[in-house]
Amino acid sequence: MVLQTAKGYAEVQLLGACDVALFYKTADWLRQKMGITFTNKAEYAGSIDWQFQFAGAALLLRYLLPTGIFLCPAAGAQATDQEKAGFKKFIETLQSE
């Protein structure tokens, strides 16, 4: 995991450039191990955004064809303090798995 803030918000890169099949495996692992449910699934040419809730925060699992798999607050740079705290808690929980 690599924490980045280049886009103006905290974002964790789980995997670098990879096949889309790894996105689906990652999503399945998050469902099983973290107990999350994806509520909003958007798929575009070269990218996938799946939203979920954790600790009162709307978070996003994102796949970008050229760069990999990421986790971030769904609101990006407009995330509230509560969403930022929920994102931080999710990452801490993920690291303990």
PDB file of N, CA and C in Angstrom:
ATOM      1  N   MET A   1       0.842  -1.183   0.000  1.00  0.00           N
ATOM      2  CA  MET A   1       0.000   0.000   0.000  1.00  0.00           C
ATOM      3  C   MET A   1       0.880   1.236   0.000  1.00  0.00           C
ATOM      4  N   VAL A   2       0.487   2.194  -0.818  1.00  0.00           N
ATOM      5  CA  VAL A   2       1.225   3.444  -0.919  1.00  0.00           C
ATOM      6  C   VAL A   2       0.246   4.594  -0.729  1.00  0.00           C
ATOM      7  N   LEU A   3       0.476   5.431   0.296  1.00  0.00           N
ATOM      8  CA  LEU A   3      -0.363   6.603   0.541  1.00  0.00           C
ATOM      9  C   LEU A   3       0.113   7.746  -0.338  1.00  0.00           C
ATOM     10  N   GLN A   4      -0.836   8.390  -1.029  1.00  0.00           N
ATOM     11  CA  GLN A   4      -0.512   9.508  -1.902  1.00  0.00           C
ATOM     12  C   GLN A   4      -1.475  10.657  -1.614  1.00  0.00           C
ATOM     13  N   THR A   5      -1.029  11.871  -1.881  1.00  0.00           N
ATOM     14  CA  THR A   5      -1.901  13.038  -1.747  1.00  0.00           C
ATOM     15  C   THR A   5      -1.775  13.973  -2.951  1.00  0.00           C
ATOM     16  N   ALA A   6      -1.216  13.500  -4.035  1.00  0.00           N
ATOM     17  CA  ALA A   6      -0.945  14.332  -5.211  1.00  0.00           C
ATOM     18  C   ALA A   6      -2.209  14.935  -5.825  1.00  0.00           C
ATOM     19  N   LYS A   7      -3.354  14.308  -5.637  1.00  0.00           N
ATOM     20  CA  LYS A   7      -4.599  14.802  -6.237  1.00  0.00           C
ATOM     21  C   LYS A   7      -5.350  15.759  -5.313  1.00  0.00           C
ATOM     22  N   GLY A   8      -4.752  16.092  -4.161  1.00  0.00           N
ATOM     23  CA  GLY A   8      -5.396  17.005  -3.224  1.00  0.00           C
ATOM     24  C   GLY A   8      -6.203  16.309  -2.146  1.00  0.00           C
ATOM     25  N   TYR A   9      -6.120  14.992  -2.076  1.00  0.00           N
ATOM     26  CA  TYR A   9      -6.796  14.220  -1.038  1.00  0.00           C
ATOM     27  C   TYR A   9      -6.015  12.934  -0.813  1.00  0.00           C
ATOM     28  N   ALA A  10      -6.248  12.332   0.350  1.00  0.00           N
ATOM     29  CA  ALA A  10      -5.555  11.080   0.671  1.00  0.00           C
ATOM     30  C   ALA A  10      -6.111   9.955  -0.193  1.00  0.00           C
ATOM     31  N   GLU A  11      -5.195   9.168  -0.703  1.00  0.00           N
ATOM     32  CA  GLU A  11      -5.541   8.042  -1.570  1.00  0.00           C
ATOM     33  C   GLU A  11      -4.495   6.961  -1.336  1.00  0.00           C
ATOM     34  N   VAL A  12      -4.932   5.719  -1.277  1.00  0.00           N
ATOM     35  CA  VAL A  12      -4.001   4.614  -1.103  1.00  0.00           C
ATOM     36  C   VAL A  12      -3.989   3.781  -2.376  1.00  0.00           C
ATOM     37  N   GLN A  13      -2.800   3.581  -2.912  1.00  0.00           N
ATOM     38  CA  GLN A  13      -2.651   2.700  -4.071  1.00  0.00           C
ATOM     39  C   GLN A  13      -2.392   1.299  -3.539  1.00  0.00           C
ATOM     40  N   LEU A  14      -3.324   0.389  -3.817  1.00  0.00           N
ATOM     41  CA  LEU A  14      -3.186  -0.997  -3.371  1.00  0.00           C
ATOM     42  C   LEU A  14      -2.275  -1.790  -4.298  1.00  0.00           C
ATOM     43  N   LEU A  15      -2.434  -1.591  -5.602  1.00  0.00           N
ATOM     44  CA  LEU A  15      -1.631  -2.286  -6.614  1.00  0.00           C
ATOM     45  C   LEU A  15      -1.340  -1.326  -7.754  1.00  0.00           C
ATOM     46  N   GLY A  16      -0.162  -1.459  -8.327  1.00  0.00           N
ATOM     47  CA  GLY A  16       0.181  -0.673  -9.508  1.00  0.00           C
ATOM     48  C   GLY A  16      -0.530  -1.230 -10.728  1.00  0.00           C
ATOM     49  N   ALA A  17      -0.095  -0.835 -11.893  1.00  0.00           N
ATOM     50  CA  ALA A  17      -0.721  -1.273 -13.140  1.00  0.00           C
ATOM     51  C   ALA A  17      -0.952  -2.783 -13.115  1.00  0.00           C
ATOM     52  N   CYS A  18      -2.197  -3.182 -13.355  1.00  0.00           N
ATOM     53  CA  CYS A  18      -2.547  -4.605 -13.272  1.00  0.00           C
ATOM     54  C   CYS A  18      -3.764  -4.884 -14.142  1.00  0.00           C
ATOM     55  N   ASP A  19      -4.057  -6.152 -14.299  1.00  0.00           N
ATOM     56  CA  ASP A  19      -5.208  -6.601 -15.060  1.00  0.00           C
ATOM     57  C   ASP A  19      -6.484  -6.342 -14.262  1.00  0.00           C
ATOM     58  N   VAL A  20      -7.572  -6.091 -14.946  1.00  0.00           N
ATOM     59  CA  VAL A  20      -8.848  -5.815 -14.296  1.00  0.00           C
ATOM     60  C   VAL A  20      -9.299  -6.982 -13.410  1.00  0.00           C
ATOM     61  N   ALA A  21      -8.879  -8.204 -13.718  1.00  0.00           N
ATOM     62  CA  ALA A  21      -9.250  -9.358 -12.893  1.00  0.00           C
ATOM     63  C   ALA A  21      -8.790  -9.174 -11.450  1.00  0.00           C
ATOM     64  N   LEU A  22      -7.666  -8.509 -11.242  1.00  0.00           N
ATOM     65  CA  LEU A  22      -7.190  -8.254  -9.878  1.00  0.00           C
ATOM     66  C   LEU A  22      -8.087  -7.271  -9.140  1.00  0.00           C
ATOM     67  N   PHE A  23      -8.731  -6.363  -9.865  1.00  0.00           N
ATOM     68  CA  PHE A  23      -9.701  -5.462  -9.228  1.00  0.00           C
ATOM     69  C   PHE A  23     -10.836  -6.283  -8.634  1.00  0.00           C
ATOM     70  N   TYR A  24     -11.382  -7.197  -9.426  1.00  0.00           N
ATOM     71  CA  TYR A  24     -12.501  -8.011  -8.953  1.00  0.00           C
ATOM     72  C   TYR A  24     -12.081  -8.925  -7.802  1.00  0.00           C
ATOM     73  N   LYS A  25     -10.874  -9.450  -7.834  1.00  0.00           N
ATOM     74  CA  LYS A  25     -10.369 -10.264  -6.723  1.00  0.00           C
ATOM     75  C   LYS A  25     -10.213  -9.414  -5.469  1.00  0.00           C
ATOM     76  N   THR A  26      -9.732  -8.190  -5.631  1.00  0.00           N
ATOM     77  CA  THR A  26      -9.578  -7.274  -4.499  1.00  0.00           C
ATOM     78  C   THR A  26     -10.940  -6.937  -3.906  1.00  0.00           C
ATOM     79  N   ALA A  27     -11.911  -6.644  -4.756  1.00  0.00           N
ATOM     80  CA  ALA A  27     -13.263  -6.334  -4.290  1.00  0.00           C
ATOM     81  C   ALA A  27     -13.856  -7.518  -3.534  1.00  0.00           C
ATOM     82  N   ASP A  28     -13.659  -8.719  -4.048  1.00  0.00           N
ATOM     83  CA  ASP A  28     -14.167  -9.916  -3.383  1.00  0.00           C
ATOM     84  C   ASP A  28     -13.499 -10.112  -2.027  1.00  0.00           C
ATOM     85  N   TRP A  29     -12.197  -9.891  -1.957  1.00  0.00           N
ATOM     86  CA  TRP A  29     -11.475 -10.015  -0.691  1.00  0.00           C
ATOM     87  C   TRP A  29     -12.003  -8.997   0.321  1.00  0.00           C
ATOM     88  N   LEU A  30     -12.222  -7.761  -0.111  1.00  0.00           N
ATOM     89  CA  LEU A  30     -12.752  -6.731   0.786  1.00  0.00           C
ATOM     90  C   LEU A  30     -14.138  -7.105   1.291  1.00  0.00           C
ATOM     91  N   ARG A  31     -14.971  -7.688   0.435  1.00  0.00           N
ATOM     92  CA  ARG A  31     -16.297  -8.143   0.858  1.00  0.00           C
ATOM     93  C   ARG A  31     -16.177  -9.217   1.930  1.00  0.00           C
ATOM     94  N   GLN A  32     -15.313 -10.192   1.688  1.00  0.00           N
ATOM     95  CA  GLN A  32     -15.193 -11.317   2.609  1.00  0.00           C
ATOM     96  C   GLN A  32     -14.493 -10.945   3.913  1.00  0.00           C
ATOM     97  N   LYS A  33     -13.361 -10.275   3.823  1.00  0.00           N
ATOM     98  CA  LYS A  33     -12.540 -10.006   5.013  1.00  0.00           C
ATOM     99  C   LYS A  33     -12.975  -8.772   5.794  1.00  0.00           C
ATOM    100  N   MET A  34     -13.474  -7.762   5.090  1.00  0.00           N
ATOM    101  CA  MET A  34     -13.833  -6.508   5.740  1.00  0.00           C
ATOM    102  C   MET A  34     -15.345  -6.363   5.914  1.00  0.00           C
ATOM    103  N   GLY A  35     -16.105  -7.257   5.293  1.00  0.00           N
ATOM    104  CA  GLY A  35     -17.555  -7.233   5.437  1.00  0.00           C
ATOM    105  C   GLY A  35     -18.242  -6.045   4.787  1.00  0.00           C
ATOM    106  N   ILE A  36     -17.638  -5.488   3.749  1.00  0.00           N
ATOM    107  CA  ILE A  36     -18.252  -4.326   3.112  1.00  0.00           C
ATOM    108  C   ILE A  36     -19.193  -4.755   1.994  1.00  0.00           C
ATOM    109  N   THR A  37     -20.119  -3.869   1.678  1.00  0.00           N
ATOM    110  CA  THR A  37     -21.062  -4.071   0.592  1.00  0.00           C
ATOM    111  C   THR A  37     -20.925  -2.900  -0.369  1.00  0.00           C
ATOM    112  N   PHE A  38     -20.710  -3.182  -1.609  1.00  0.00           N
ATOM    113  CA  PHE A  38     -20.595  -2.122  -2.604  1.00  0.00           C
ATOM    114  C   PHE A  38     -21.993  -1.661  -2.993  1.00  0.00           C
ATOM    115  N   THR A  39     -22.229  -0.349  -2.897  1.00  0.00           N
ATOM    116  CA  THR A  39     -23.567   0.200  -3.092  1.00  0.00           C
ATOM    117  C   THR A  39     -23.749   0.917  -4.417  1.00  0.00           C
ATOM    118  N   ASN A  40     -22.698   1.377  -5.002  1.00  0.00           N
ATOM    119  CA  ASN A  40     -22.789   2.124  -6.256  1.00  0.00           C
ATOM    120  C   ASN A  40     -21.637   1.672  -7.133  1.00  0.00           C
ATOM    121  N   LYS A  41     -21.961   1.014  -8.220  1.00  0.00           N
ATOM    122  CA  LYS A  41     -20.924   0.478  -9.105  1.00  0.00           C
ATOM    123  C   LYS A  41     -21.002   1.176 -10.458  1.00  0.00           C
ATOM    124  N   ALA A  42     -19.930   1.864 -10.812  1.00  0.00           N
ATOM    125  CA  ALA A  42     -19.861   2.544 -12.106  1.00  0.00           C
ATOM    126  C   ALA A  42     -18.659   2.009 -12.867  1.00  0.00           C
ATOM    127  N   GLU A  43     -18.890   1.608 -14.099  1.00  0.00           N
ATOM    128  CA  GLU A  43     -17.809   1.076 -14.926  1.00  0.00           C
ATOM    129  C   GLU A  43     -17.761   1.847 -16.239  1.00  0.00           C
ATOM    130  N   TYR A  44     -16.571   2.291 -16.580  1.00  0.00           N
ATOM    131  CA  TYR A  44     -16.335   3.073 -17.789  1.00  0.00           C
ATOM    132  C   TYR A  44     -15.210   2.404 -18.568  1.00  0.00           C
ATOM    133  N   ALA A  45     -14.939   2.880 -19.746  1.00  0.00           N
ATOM    134  CA  ALA A  45     -13.810   2.362 -20.526  1.00  0.00           C
ATOM    135  C   ALA A  45     -12.518   2.713 -19.805  1.00  0.00           C
ATOM    136  N   GLY A  46     -11.831   1.712 -19.304  1.00  0.00           N
ATOM    137  CA  GLY A  46     -10.543   1.935 -18.648  1.00  0.00           C
ATOM    138  C   GLY A  46     -10.594   2.283 -17.180  1.00  0.00           C
ATOM    139  N   SER A  47     -11.796   2.360 -16.587  1.00  0.00           N
ATOM    140  CA  SER A  47     -11.870   2.646 -15.149  1.00  0.00           C
ATOM    141  C   SER A  47     -13.131   2.047 -14.536  1.00  0.00           C
ATOM    142  N   ILE A  48     -13.035   1.759 -13.241  1.00  0.00           N
ATOM    143  CA  ILE A  48     -14.158   1.218 -12.476  1.00  0.00           C
ATOM    144  C   ILE A  48     -14.160   1.923 -11.126  1.00  0.00           C
ATOM    145  N   ASP A  49     -15.326   2.400 -10.687  1.00  0.00           N
ATOM    146  CA  ASP A  49     -15.493   3.018  -9.370  1.00  0.00           C
ATOM    147  C   ASP A  49     -16.604   2.289  -8.630  1.00  0.00           C
ATOM    148  N   TRP A  50     -16.276   1.684  -7.498  1.00  0.00           N
ATOM    149  CA  TRP A  50     -17.269   1.023  -6.662  1.00  0.00           C
ATOM    150  C   TRP A  50     -17.272   1.692  -5.298  1.00  0.00           C
ATOM    151  N   GLN A  51     -18.421   2.212  -4.902  1.00  0.00           N
ATOM    152  CA  GLN A  51     -18.552   2.925  -3.635  1.00  0.00           C
ATOM    153  C   GLN A  51     -19.027   1.980  -2.534  1.00  0.00           C
ATOM    154  N   PHE A  52     -18.609   2.278  -1.295  1.00  0.00           N
ATOM    155  CA  PHE A  52     -19.053   1.518  -0.135  1.00  0.00           C
ATOM    156  C   PHE A  52     -18.989   2.415   1.093  1.00  0.00           C
ATOM    157  N   GLN A  53     -19.628   1.978   2.173  1.00  0.00           N
ATOM    158  CA  GLN A  53     -19.652   2.723   3.430  1.00  0.00           C
ATOM    159  C   GLN A  53     -18.789   2.015   4.463  1.00  0.00           C
ATOM    160  N   PHE A  54     -18.086   2.816   5.257  1.00  0.00           N
ATOM    161  CA  PHE A  54     -17.317   2.273   6.375  1.00  0.00           C
ATOM    162  C   PHE A  54     -17.221   3.361   7.433  1.00  0.00           C
ATOM    163  N   ALA A  55     -17.626   3.044   8.651  1.00  0.00           N
ATOM    164  CA  ALA A  55     -17.559   3.980   9.784  1.00  0.00           C
ATOM    165  C   ALA A  55     -18.204   5.323   9.437  1.00  0.00           C
ATOM    166  N   GLY A  56     -19.340   5.280   8.759  1.00  0.00           N
ATOM    167  CA  GLY A  56     -20.066   6.496   8.416  1.00  0.00           C
ATOM    168  C   GLY A  56     -19.491   7.288   7.263  1.00  0.00           C
ATOM    169  N   ALA A  57     -18.519   6.734   6.567  1.00  0.00           N
ATOM    170  CA  ALA A  57     -17.875   7.445   5.463  1.00  0.00           C
ATOM    171  C   ALA A  57     -18.138   6.739   4.138  1.00  0.00           C
ATOM    172  N   ALA A  58     -18.380   7.522   3.102  1.00  0.00           N
ATOM    173  CA  ALA A  58     -18.507   6.982   1.748  1.00  0.00           C
ATOM    174  C   ALA A  58     -17.106   6.873   1.162  1.00  0.00           C
ATOM    175  N   LEU A  59     -16.703   5.646   0.842  1.00  0.00           N
ATOM    176  CA  LEU A  59     -15.366   5.388   0.310  1.00  0.00           C
ATOM    177  C   LEU A  59     -15.474   4.780  -1.082  1.00  0.00           C
ATOM    178  N   LEU A  60     -14.351   4.753  -1.774  1.00  0.00           N
ATOM    179  CA  LEU A  60     -14.347   4.314  -3.158  1.00  0.00           C
ATOM    180  C   LEU A  60     -13.192   3.361  -3.424  1.00  0.00           C
ATOM    181  N   LEU A  61     -13.525   2.240  -4.040  1.00  0.00           N
ATOM    182  CA  LEU A  61     -12.513   1.339  -4.588  1.00  0.00           C
ATOM    183  C   LEU A  61     -12.466   1.660  -6.074  1.00  0.00           C
ATOM    184  N   ARG A  62     -11.291   2.042  -6.564  1.00  0.00           N
ATOM    185  CA  ARG A  62     -11.162   2.531  -7.944  1.00  0.00           C
ATOM    186  C   ARG A  62     -10.108   1.728  -8.698  1.00  0.00           C
ATOM    187  N   TYR A  63     -10.436   1.404  -9.940  1.00  0.00           N
ATOM    188  CA  TYR A  63      -9.480   0.776 -10.853  1.00  0.00           C
ATOM    189  C   TYR A  63      -9.263   1.715 -12.027  1.00  0.00           C
ATOM    190  N   LEU A  64      -8.014   2.025 -12.301  1.00  0.00           N
ATOM    191  CA  LEU A  64      -7.645   2.818 -13.470  1.00  0.00           C
ATOM    192  C   LEU A  64      -6.682   1.984 -14.297  1.00  0.00           C
ATOM    193  N   LEU A  65      -7.047   1.706 -15.525  1.00  0.00           N
ATOM    194  CA  LEU A  65      -6.271   0.820 -16.387  1.00  0.00           C
ATOM    195  C   LEU A  65      -4.775   1.134 -16.401  1.00  0.00           C
ATOM    196  N   PRO A  66      -4.364   2.375 -16.581  1.00  0.00           N
ATOM    197  CA  PRO A  66      -2.917   2.587 -16.681  1.00  0.00           C
ATOM    198  C   PRO A  66      -2.174   2.618 -15.345  1.00  0.00           C
ATOM    199  N   THR A  67      -2.902   2.796 -14.226  1.00  0.00           N
ATOM    200  CA  THR A  67      -2.179   3.018 -12.965  1.00  0.00           C
ATOM    201  C   THR A  67      -2.467   2.038 -11.840  1.00  0.00           C
ATOM    202  N   GLY A  68      -3.593   1.341 -11.831  1.00  0.00           N
ATOM    203  CA  GLY A  68      -3.820   0.320 -10.821  1.00  0.00           C
ATOM    204  C   GLY A  68      -5.093   0.462 -10.011  1.00  0.00           C
ATOM    205  N   ILE A  69      -5.029  -0.046  -8.764  1.00  0.00           N
ATOM    206  CA  ILE A  69      -6.182  -0.112  -7.865  1.00  0.00           C
ATOM    207  C   ILE A  69      -5.942   0.816  -6.681  1.00  0.00           C
ATOM    208  N   PHE A  70      -6.966   1.634  -6.370  1.00  0.00           N
ATOM    209  CA  PHE A  70      -6.852   2.648  -5.330  1.00  0.00           C
ATOM    210  C   PHE A  70      -8.041   2.605  -4.383  1.00  0.00           C
ATOM    211  N   LEU A  71      -7.838   3.130  -3.181  1.00  0.00           N
ATOM    212  CA  LEU A  71      -8.901   3.406  -2.219  1.00  0.00           C
ATOM    213  C   LEU A  71      -8.827   4.883  -1.887  1.00  0.00           C
ATOM    214  N   CYS A  72      -9.997   5.532  -1.764  1.00  0.00           N
ATOM    215  CA  CYS A  72     -10.023   6.943  -1.400  1.00  0.00           C
ATOM    216  C   CYS A  72     -11.420   7.308  -0.907  1.00  0.00           C
ATOM    217  N   PRO A  73     -11.556   8.479  -0.256  1.00  0.00           N
ATOM    218  CA  PRO A  73     -12.897   8.960   0.066  1.00  0.00           C
ATOM    219  C   PRO A  73     -13.662   9.188  -1.240  1.00  0.00           C
ATOM    220  N   ALA A  74     -14.931   8.842  -1.274  1.00  0.00           N
ATOM    221  CA  ALA A  74     -15.715   8.983  -2.505  1.00  0.00           C
ATOM    222  C   ALA A  74     -15.811  10.435  -2.962  1.00  0.00           C
ATOM    223  N   ALA A  75     -15.781  11.372  -2.022  1.00  0.00           N
ATOM    224  CA  ALA A  75     -15.895  12.794  -2.367  1.00  0.00           C
ATOM    225  C   ALA A  75     -14.561  13.408  -2.764  1.00  0.00           C
ATOM    226  N   GLY A  76     -13.490  12.632  -2.730  1.00  0.00           N
ATOM    227  CA  GLY A  76     -12.173  13.140  -3.113  1.00  0.00           C
ATOM    228  C   GLY A  76     -11.759  14.335  -2.282  1.00  0.00           C
ATOM    229  N   ALA A  77     -11.369  15.423  -2.930  1.00  0.00           N
ATOM    230  CA  ALA A  77     -10.890  16.621  -2.238  1.00  0.00           C
ATOM    231  C   ALA A  77     -11.992  17.308  -1.432  1.00  0.00           C
ATOM    232  N   GLN A  78     -13.260  17.027  -1.732  1.00  0.00           N
ATOM    233  CA  GLN A  78     -14.370  17.631  -0.988  1.00  0.00           C
ATOM    234  C   GLN A  78     -14.816  16.777   0.202  1.00  0.00           C
ATOM    235  N   ALA A  79     -14.063  15.769   0.556  1.00  0.00           N
ATOM    236  CA  ALA A  79     -14.424  14.892   1.675  1.00  0.00           C
ATOM    237  C   ALA A  79     -14.507  15.692   2.972  1.00  0.00           C
ATOM    238  N   THR A  80     -15.515  15.372   3.778  1.00  0.00           N
ATOM    239  CA  THR A  80     -15.675  16.016   5.083  1.00  0.00           C
ATOM    240  C   THR A  80     -14.668  15.433   6.068  1.00  0.00           C
ATOM    241  N   ASP A  81     -14.544  16.077   7.213  1.00  0.00           N
ATOM    242  CA  ASP A  81     -13.657  15.549   8.250  1.00  0.00           C
ATOM    243  C   ASP A  81     -14.101  14.151   8.680  1.00  0.00           C
ATOM    244  N   GLN A  82     -15.419  13.922   8.739  1.00  0.00           N
ATOM    245  CA  GLN A  82     -15.940  12.599   9.109  1.00  0.00           C
ATOM    246  C   GLN A  82     -15.535  11.555   8.066  1.00  0.00           C
ATOM    247  N   GLU A  83     -15.612  11.909   6.796  1.00  0.00           N
ATOM    248  CA  GLU A  83     -15.226  10.969   5.738  1.00  0.00           C
ATOM    249  C   GLU A  83     -13.727  10.700   5.755  1.00  0.00           C
ATOM    250  N   LYS A  84     -12.946  11.729   6.025  1.00  0.00           N
ATOM    251  CA  LYS A  84     -11.494  11.548   6.132  1.00  0.00           C
ATOM    252  C   LYS A  84     -11.157  10.634   7.302  1.00  0.00           C
ATOM    253  N   ALA A  85     -11.855  10.814   8.424  1.00  0.00           N
ATOM    254  CA  ALA A  85     -11.628   9.965   9.598  1.00  0.00           C
ATOM    255  C   ALA A  85     -12.043   8.524   9.306  1.00  0.00           C
ATOM    256  N   GLY A  86     -13.157   8.343   8.605  1.00  0.00           N
ATOM    257  CA  GLY A  86     -13.608   7.005   8.228  1.00  0.00           C
ATOM    258  C   GLY A  86     -12.625   6.326   7.291  1.00  0.00           C
ATOM    259  N   PHE A  87     -12.062   7.094   6.370  1.00  0.00           N
ATOM    260  CA  PHE A  87     -11.057   6.557   5.451  1.00  0.00           C
ATOM    261  C   PHE A  87      -9.822   6.120   6.224  1.00  0.00           C
ATOM    262  N   LYS A  88      -9.377   6.960   7.142  1.00  0.00           N
ATOM    263  CA  LYS A  88      -8.206   6.625   7.959  1.00  0.00           C
ATOM    264  C   LYS A  88      -8.460   5.349   8.761  1.00  0.00           C
ATOM    265  N   LYS A  89      -9.648   5.245   9.354  1.00  0.00           N
ATOM    266  CA  LYS A  89      -9.991   4.052  10.137  1.00  0.00           C
ATOM    267  C   LYS A  89     -10.017   2.811   9.246  1.00  0.00           C
ATOM    268  N   PHE A  90     -10.553   2.943   8.036  1.00  0.00           N
ATOM    269  CA  PHE A  90     -10.598   1.808   7.116  1.00  0.00           C
ATOM    270  C   PHE A  90      -9.191   1.337   6.768  1.00  0.00           C
ATOM    271  N   ILE A  91      -8.301   2.261   6.473  1.00  0.00           N
ATOM    272  CA  ILE A  91      -6.926   1.906   6.116  1.00  0.00           C
ATOM    273  C   ILE A  91      -6.229   1.241   7.300  1.00  0.00           C
ATOM    274  N   GLU A  92      -6.435   1.770   8.503  1.00  0.00           N
ATOM    275  CA  GLU A  92      -5.837   1.154   9.692  1.00  0.00           C
ATOM    276  C   GLU A  92      -6.372  -0.260   9.891  1.00  0.00           C
ATOM    277  N   THR A  93      -7.670  -0.450   9.694  1.00  0.00           N
ATOM    278  CA  THR A  93      -8.280  -1.774   9.826  1.00  0.00           C
ATOM    279  C   THR A  93      -7.748  -2.712   8.748  1.00  0.00           C
ATOM    280  N   LEU A  94      -7.627  -2.209   7.544  1.00  0.00           N
ATOM    281  CA  LEU A  94      -7.107  -3.000   6.426  1.00  0.00           C
ATOM    282  C   LEU A  94      -5.678  -3.461   6.698  1.00  0.00           C
ATOM    283  N   GLN A  95      -4.868  -2.597   7.271  1.00  0.00           N
ATOM    284  CA  GLN A  95      -3.476  -2.947   7.563  1.00  0.00           C
ATOM    285  C   GLN A  95      -3.370  -4.022   8.634  1.00  0.00           C
ATOM    286  N   SER A  96      -4.380  -4.122   9.495  1.00  0.00           N
ATOM    287  CA  SER A  96      -4.326  -5.129  10.558  1.00  0.00           C
ATOM    288  C   SER A  96      -4.818  -6.497  10.087  1.00  0.00           C
ATOM    289  N   GLU A  97      -5.404  -6.560   8.891  1.00  0.00           N
ATOM    290  CA  GLU A  97      -5.899  -7.840   8.343  1.00  0.00           C
ATOM    291  C   GLU A  97      -4.767  -8.672   7.789  1.00  0.00           C
TER     292      GLU A  97
END
